[in-house]
Amino acid sequence: MITAVTLAELSVGPLVAANPQEQAIRQMRLQQVEADFQPLPFDAAAARSFGRVAASLRRGGRKPNARTYDAMIAAIAIANDLPLFTCNPSNFDAIDGLDLRRIPHPDGLSE
């Protein structure tokens, strides 16, 4: 599964690519993700979870506005009682109740 917010973030990639080759690579990845994953919506349950996520971030000294997309993704995971798999675990620091699982970056990059 993938969140609809993550899919929205990925949809920007091909549109802002620096060159046609990178645009093609990003478009191919986007299309593969769309084919492989069912998007989880940001629904009413996720909206309620978002409030708790934003409060956790504030208590942890982070600004929720700077991490809005990540906070929405975390809220969807929490609302659906699912773990969140990410290559960027530091983006989700200080979020109470989030089952966070680090995975390696597909391009071998590290955070």
N, C-alpha and C. Protein backbone atom coordinates (compact mmCIF):
# COMPACT_ATOMS: atom_id res chain seq x y z
N MET A 1 0.83 -1.18 0.00
CA MET A 1 0.00 0.00 0.00
C MET A 1 0.88 1.24 0.00
N ILE A 2 0.29 2.32 -0.42
CA ILE A 2 0.96 3.61 -0.44
C ILE A 2 -0.10 4.65 -0.08
N THR A 3 0.31 5.73 0.55
CA THR A 3 -0.69 6.75 0.85
C THR A 3 -0.95 7.61 -0.38
N ALA A 4 -2.13 8.15 -0.46
CA ALA A 4 -2.45 9.07 -1.56
C ALA A 4 -1.54 10.29 -1.50
N VAL A 5 -1.12 10.68 -0.31
CA VAL A 5 -0.21 11.82 -0.16
C VAL A 5 1.16 11.49 -0.75
N THR A 6 1.65 10.28 -0.51
CA THR A 6 2.92 9.85 -1.09
C THR A 6 2.83 9.84 -2.61
N LEU A 7 1.73 9.32 -3.11
CA LEU A 7 1.52 9.30 -4.56
C LEU A 7 1.52 10.73 -5.13
N ALA A 8 0.92 11.65 -4.41
CA ALA A 8 0.92 13.05 -4.84
C ALA A 8 2.35 13.60 -4.88
N GLU A 9 3.14 13.28 -3.86
CA GLU A 9 4.53 13.74 -3.84
C GLU A 9 5.31 13.16 -5.03
N LEU A 10 5.12 11.88 -5.28
CA LEU A 10 5.82 11.23 -6.40
C LEU A 10 5.39 11.80 -7.75
N SER A 11 4.16 12.26 -7.84
CA SER A 11 3.64 12.81 -9.10
C SER A 11 4.33 14.11 -9.50
N VAL A 12 4.93 14.79 -8.55
CA VAL A 12 5.65 16.03 -8.83
C VAL A 12 6.97 15.74 -9.54
N GLY A 13 7.60 14.63 -9.20
CA GLY A 13 8.94 14.30 -9.69
C GLY A 13 9.15 14.44 -11.18
N PRO A 14 8.33 13.79 -12.01
CA PRO A 14 8.56 13.92 -13.46
C PRO A 14 8.38 15.35 -13.96
N LEU A 15 7.54 16.11 -13.31
CA LEU A 15 7.24 17.47 -13.76
C LEU A 15 8.36 18.46 -13.46
N VAL A 16 9.22 18.12 -12.50
CA VAL A 16 10.29 19.04 -12.12
C VAL A 16 11.68 18.48 -12.44
N ALA A 17 11.74 17.39 -13.18
CA ALA A 17 13.03 16.78 -13.52
C ALA A 17 13.90 17.76 -14.31
N ALA A 18 15.20 17.66 -14.07
CA ALA A 18 16.15 18.59 -14.69
C ALA A 18 16.37 18.34 -16.18
N ASN A 19 16.13 17.11 -16.63
CA ASN A 19 16.37 16.79 -18.04
C ASN A 19 15.43 15.69 -18.50
N PRO A 20 15.28 15.49 -19.80
CA PRO A 20 14.33 14.49 -20.31
C PRO A 20 14.61 13.06 -19.84
N GLN A 21 15.88 12.71 -19.69
CA GLN A 21 16.22 11.36 -19.22
C GLN A 21 15.72 11.14 -17.79
N GLU A 22 16.00 12.11 -16.92
CA GLU A 22 15.53 11.99 -15.54
C GLU A 22 14.01 12.03 -15.49
N GLN A 23 13.38 12.83 -16.32
CA GLN A 23 11.93 12.89 -16.38
C GLN A 23 11.36 11.52 -16.75
N ALA A 24 11.96 10.85 -17.73
CA ALA A 24 11.50 9.52 -18.16
C ALA A 24 11.65 8.50 -17.04
N ILE A 25 12.78 8.55 -16.33
CA ILE A 25 13.02 7.62 -15.22
C ILE A 25 11.97 7.83 -14.13
N ARG A 26 11.74 9.07 -13.77
CA ARG A 26 10.75 9.38 -12.71
C ARG A 26 9.34 9.01 -13.14
N GLN A 27 9.01 9.23 -14.40
CA GLN A 27 7.68 8.87 -14.90
C GLN A 27 7.49 7.36 -14.87
N MET A 28 8.53 6.62 -15.23
CA MET A 28 8.47 5.15 -15.20
C MET A 28 8.25 4.66 -13.76
N ARG A 29 8.99 5.25 -12.81
CA ARG A 29 8.82 4.86 -11.40
C ARG A 29 7.40 5.16 -10.93
N LEU A 30 6.91 6.35 -11.27
CA LEU A 30 5.56 6.74 -10.87
C LEU A 30 4.53 5.75 -11.41
N GLN A 31 4.64 5.42 -12.67
CA GLN A 31 3.68 4.49 -13.28
C GLN A 31 3.77 3.10 -12.63
N GLN A 32 4.98 2.67 -12.27
CA GLN A 32 5.14 1.37 -11.60
C GLN A 32 4.48 1.39 -10.23
N VAL A 33 4.69 2.48 -9.50
CA VAL A 33 4.07 2.62 -8.18
C VAL A 33 2.55 2.61 -8.31
N GLU A 34 2.03 3.34 -9.28
CA GLU A 34 0.58 3.38 -9.48
C GLU A 34 0.02 1.99 -9.81
N ALA A 35 0.80 1.18 -10.52
CA ALA A 35 0.36 -0.17 -10.88
C ALA A 35 0.48 -1.15 -9.72
N ASP A 36 1.49 -0.94 -8.86
CA ASP A 36 1.79 -1.92 -7.81
C ASP A 36 1.07 -1.69 -6.49
N PHE A 37 0.65 -0.46 -6.21
CA PHE A 37 0.13 -0.15 -4.89
C PHE A 37 -1.27 0.45 -4.94
N GLN A 38 -2.04 0.13 -3.91
CA GLN A 38 -3.38 0.69 -3.73
C GLN A 38 -3.24 1.90 -2.79
N PRO A 39 -3.60 3.11 -3.22
CA PRO A 39 -3.41 4.27 -2.33
C PRO A 39 -4.43 4.32 -1.19
N LEU A 40 -3.90 4.58 0.00
CA LEU A 40 -4.74 4.80 1.18
C LEU A 40 -5.12 6.28 1.22
N PRO A 41 -6.39 6.60 1.38
CA PRO A 41 -6.80 8.01 1.35
C PRO A 41 -6.49 8.74 2.65
N PHE A 42 -6.44 10.05 2.55
CA PHE A 42 -6.41 10.90 3.73
C PHE A 42 -7.87 11.18 4.05
N ASP A 43 -8.44 10.33 4.89
CA ASP A 43 -9.87 10.40 5.19
C ASP A 43 -10.10 11.00 6.58
N ALA A 44 -11.33 10.88 7.08
CA ALA A 44 -11.67 11.48 8.37
C ALA A 44 -10.84 10.89 9.51
N ALA A 45 -10.61 9.58 9.48
CA ALA A 45 -9.80 8.95 10.53
C ALA A 45 -8.36 9.48 10.47
N ALA A 46 -7.83 9.64 9.28
CA ALA A 46 -6.48 10.18 9.13
C ALA A 46 -6.44 11.64 9.58
N ALA A 47 -7.48 12.38 9.30
CA ALA A 47 -7.53 13.78 9.73
C ALA A 47 -7.49 13.88 11.26
N ARG A 48 -8.22 12.99 11.93
CA ARG A 48 -8.19 12.98 13.39
C ARG A 48 -6.80 12.59 13.89
N SER A 49 -6.17 11.61 13.26
CA SER A 49 -4.81 11.20 13.64
C SER A 49 -3.81 12.32 13.39
N PHE A 50 -4.05 13.12 12.35
CA PHE A 50 -3.15 14.22 12.02
C PHE A 50 -3.00 15.18 13.20
N GLY A 51 -4.08 15.45 13.89
CA GLY A 51 -4.01 16.33 15.06
C GLY A 51 -3.05 15.79 16.11
N ARG A 52 -3.11 14.48 16.37
CA ARG A 52 -2.20 13.86 17.34
C ARG A 52 -0.76 13.89 16.83
N VAL A 53 -0.57 13.66 15.54
CA VAL A 53 0.77 13.69 14.95
C VAL A 53 1.36 15.09 15.06
N ALA A 54 0.60 16.11 14.70
CA ALA A 54 1.09 17.49 14.77
C ALA A 54 1.43 17.87 16.21
N ALA A 55 0.61 17.43 17.16
CA ALA A 55 0.89 17.70 18.57
C ALA A 55 2.18 17.00 19.01
N SER A 56 2.39 15.76 18.56
CA SER A 56 3.63 15.04 18.87
C SER A 56 4.84 15.78 18.33
N LEU A 57 4.74 16.25 17.10
CA LEU A 57 5.85 16.99 16.50
C LEU A 57 6.17 18.25 17.30
N ARG A 58 5.14 18.98 17.70
CA ARG A 58 5.36 20.20 18.49
C ARG A 58 6.02 19.89 19.81
N ARG A 59 5.54 18.83 20.48
CA ARG A 59 6.15 18.44 21.76
C ARG A 59 7.62 18.04 21.56
N GLY A 60 7.93 17.48 20.39
CA GLY A 60 9.29 17.06 20.09
C GLY A 60 10.16 18.19 19.58
N GLY A 61 9.63 19.43 19.57
CA GLY A 61 10.41 20.58 19.15
C GLY A 61 10.48 20.77 17.65
N ARG A 62 9.62 20.09 16.92
CA ARG A 62 9.63 20.22 15.46
C ARG A 62 8.41 21.02 15.02
N LYS A 63 8.52 21.67 13.88
CA LYS A 63 7.41 22.47 13.36
C LYS A 63 6.59 21.61 12.41
N PRO A 64 5.33 21.32 12.76
CA PRO A 64 4.49 20.49 11.88
C PRO A 64 4.34 21.04 10.47
N ASN A 65 4.31 22.37 10.32
CA ASN A 65 4.13 22.95 8.98
C ASN A 65 5.27 22.58 8.05
N ALA A 66 6.47 22.47 8.59
CA ALA A 66 7.63 22.12 7.76
C ALA A 66 7.56 20.67 7.30
N ARG A 67 6.80 19.85 7.97
CA ARG A 67 6.72 18.43 7.68
C ARG A 67 5.29 18.01 7.38
N THR A 68 4.51 18.88 6.77
CA THR A 68 3.09 18.62 6.59
C THR A 68 2.82 17.32 5.84
N TYR A 69 3.50 17.11 4.71
CA TYR A 69 3.24 15.88 3.96
C TYR A 69 3.61 14.65 4.77
N ASP A 70 4.77 14.70 5.44
CA ASP A 70 5.18 13.56 6.25
C ASP A 70 4.20 13.33 7.40
N ALA A 71 3.71 14.41 8.00
CA ALA A 71 2.73 14.28 9.08
C ALA A 71 1.44 13.65 8.56
N MET A 72 1.02 14.03 7.37
CA MET A 72 -0.19 13.44 6.78
C MET A 72 0.03 11.95 6.49
N ILE A 73 1.19 11.61 5.98
CA ILE A 73 1.50 10.20 5.70
C ILE A 73 1.51 9.40 6.99
N ALA A 74 2.12 9.94 8.03
CA ALA A 74 2.14 9.27 9.33
C ALA A 74 0.72 9.11 9.88
N ALA A 75 -0.10 10.13 9.73
CA ALA A 75 -1.48 10.07 10.22
C ALA A 75 -2.26 8.97 9.52
N ILE A 76 -2.06 8.80 8.23
CA ILE A 76 -2.74 7.74 7.49
C ILE A 76 -2.31 6.38 8.01
N ALA A 77 -1.00 6.21 8.24
CA ALA A 77 -0.50 4.93 8.78
C ALA A 77 -1.10 4.65 10.15
N ILE A 78 -1.09 5.64 11.02
CA ILE A 78 -1.64 5.46 12.37
C ILE A 78 -3.13 5.17 12.31
N ALA A 79 -3.88 5.91 11.51
CA ALA A 79 -5.33 5.72 11.42
C ALA A 79 -5.69 4.34 10.90
N ASN A 80 -4.82 3.75 10.09
CA ASN A 80 -5.09 2.42 9.53
C ASN A 80 -4.35 1.32 10.28
N ASP A 81 -3.71 1.69 11.41
CA ASP A 81 -2.97 0.74 12.25
C ASP A 81 -1.96 -0.06 11.42
N LEU A 82 -1.19 0.68 10.61
CA LEU A 82 -0.20 0.07 9.73
C LEU A 82 1.18 0.62 10.04
N PRO A 83 2.22 -0.19 9.81
CA PRO A 83 3.58 0.36 9.94
C PRO A 83 3.87 1.29 8.77
N LEU A 84 4.79 2.20 8.98
CA LEU A 84 5.22 3.11 7.92
C LEU A 84 6.65 2.74 7.54
N PHE A 85 6.85 2.31 6.31
CA PHE A 85 8.15 1.95 5.79
C PHE A 85 8.72 3.16 5.06
N THR A 86 9.97 3.53 5.39
CA THR A 86 10.57 4.72 4.78
C THR A 86 12.08 4.61 4.68
N CYS A 87 12.62 5.28 3.68
CA CYS A 87 14.07 5.43 3.52
C CYS A 87 14.57 6.61 4.33
N ASN A 88 13.65 7.42 4.83
CA ASN A 88 13.98 8.66 5.53
C ASN A 88 13.36 8.70 6.93
N PRO A 89 13.81 7.82 7.84
CA PRO A 89 13.16 7.76 9.14
C PRO A 89 13.25 9.05 9.96
N SER A 90 14.29 9.86 9.75
CA SER A 90 14.40 11.09 10.53
C SER A 90 13.27 12.08 10.21
N ASN A 91 12.63 11.92 9.05
CA ASN A 91 11.49 12.77 8.72
C ASN A 91 10.31 12.53 9.66
N PHE A 92 10.34 11.40 10.37
CA PHE A 92 9.20 11.02 11.21
C PHE A 92 9.57 10.97 12.69
N ASP A 93 10.70 11.57 13.06
CA ASP A 93 11.09 11.63 14.47
C ASP A 93 10.02 12.34 15.28
N ALA A 94 9.87 11.91 16.51
CA ALA A 94 9.00 12.55 17.51
C ALA A 94 7.51 12.40 17.23
N ILE A 95 7.13 11.37 16.48
CA ILE A 95 5.70 11.12 16.25
C ILE A 95 5.27 9.94 17.11
N ASP A 96 4.48 10.24 18.14
CA ASP A 96 4.00 9.21 19.06
C ASP A 96 3.07 8.23 18.35
N GLY A 97 3.20 6.96 18.67
CA GLY A 97 2.28 5.95 18.17
C GLY A 97 2.53 5.48 16.76
N LEU A 98 3.63 5.90 16.15
CA LEU A 98 3.93 5.51 14.77
C LEU A 98 4.85 4.30 14.78
N ASP A 99 4.45 3.24 14.09
CA ASP A 99 5.27 2.04 13.92
C ASP A 99 6.15 2.26 12.69
N LEU A 100 7.35 2.80 12.92
CA LEU A 100 8.24 3.22 11.84
C LEU A 100 9.24 2.11 11.52
N ARG A 101 9.40 1.82 10.24
CA ARG A 101 10.33 0.78 9.78
C ARG A 101 11.23 1.33 8.68
N ARG A 102 12.51 1.32 8.96
CA ARG A 102 13.51 1.83 7.98
C ARG A 102 13.75 0.78 6.91
N ILE A 103 13.79 1.23 5.67
CA ILE A 103 14.15 0.36 4.55
C ILE A 103 15.27 1.03 3.76
N PRO A 104 16.08 0.25 3.05
CA PRO A 104 17.15 0.86 2.26
C PRO A 104 16.59 1.62 1.06
N HIS A 105 17.29 2.67 0.69
CA HIS A 105 16.89 3.46 -0.48
C HIS A 105 17.08 2.60 -1.73
N PRO A 106 16.15 2.60 -2.67
CA PRO A 106 16.27 1.75 -3.85
C PRO A 106 17.47 2.10 -4.73
N ASP A 107 17.98 3.32 -4.62
CA ASP A 107 19.15 3.72 -5.41
C ASP A 107 20.45 3.57 -4.62
N GLY A 108 20.37 2.98 -3.42
CA GLY A 108 21.55 2.80 -2.61
C GLY A 108 22.00 4.05 -1.86
N LEU A 109 21.20 5.10 -1.91
CA LEU A 109 21.52 6.33 -1.21
C LEU A 109 21.19 6.17 0.26
N SER A 110 21.87 6.90 1.12
CA SER A 110 21.52 6.85 2.53
C SER A 110 21.07 8.22 2.98
N GLU A 111 20.32 8.21 4.07
CA GLU A 111 19.74 9.45 4.60
C GLU A 111 20.83 10.31 5.19
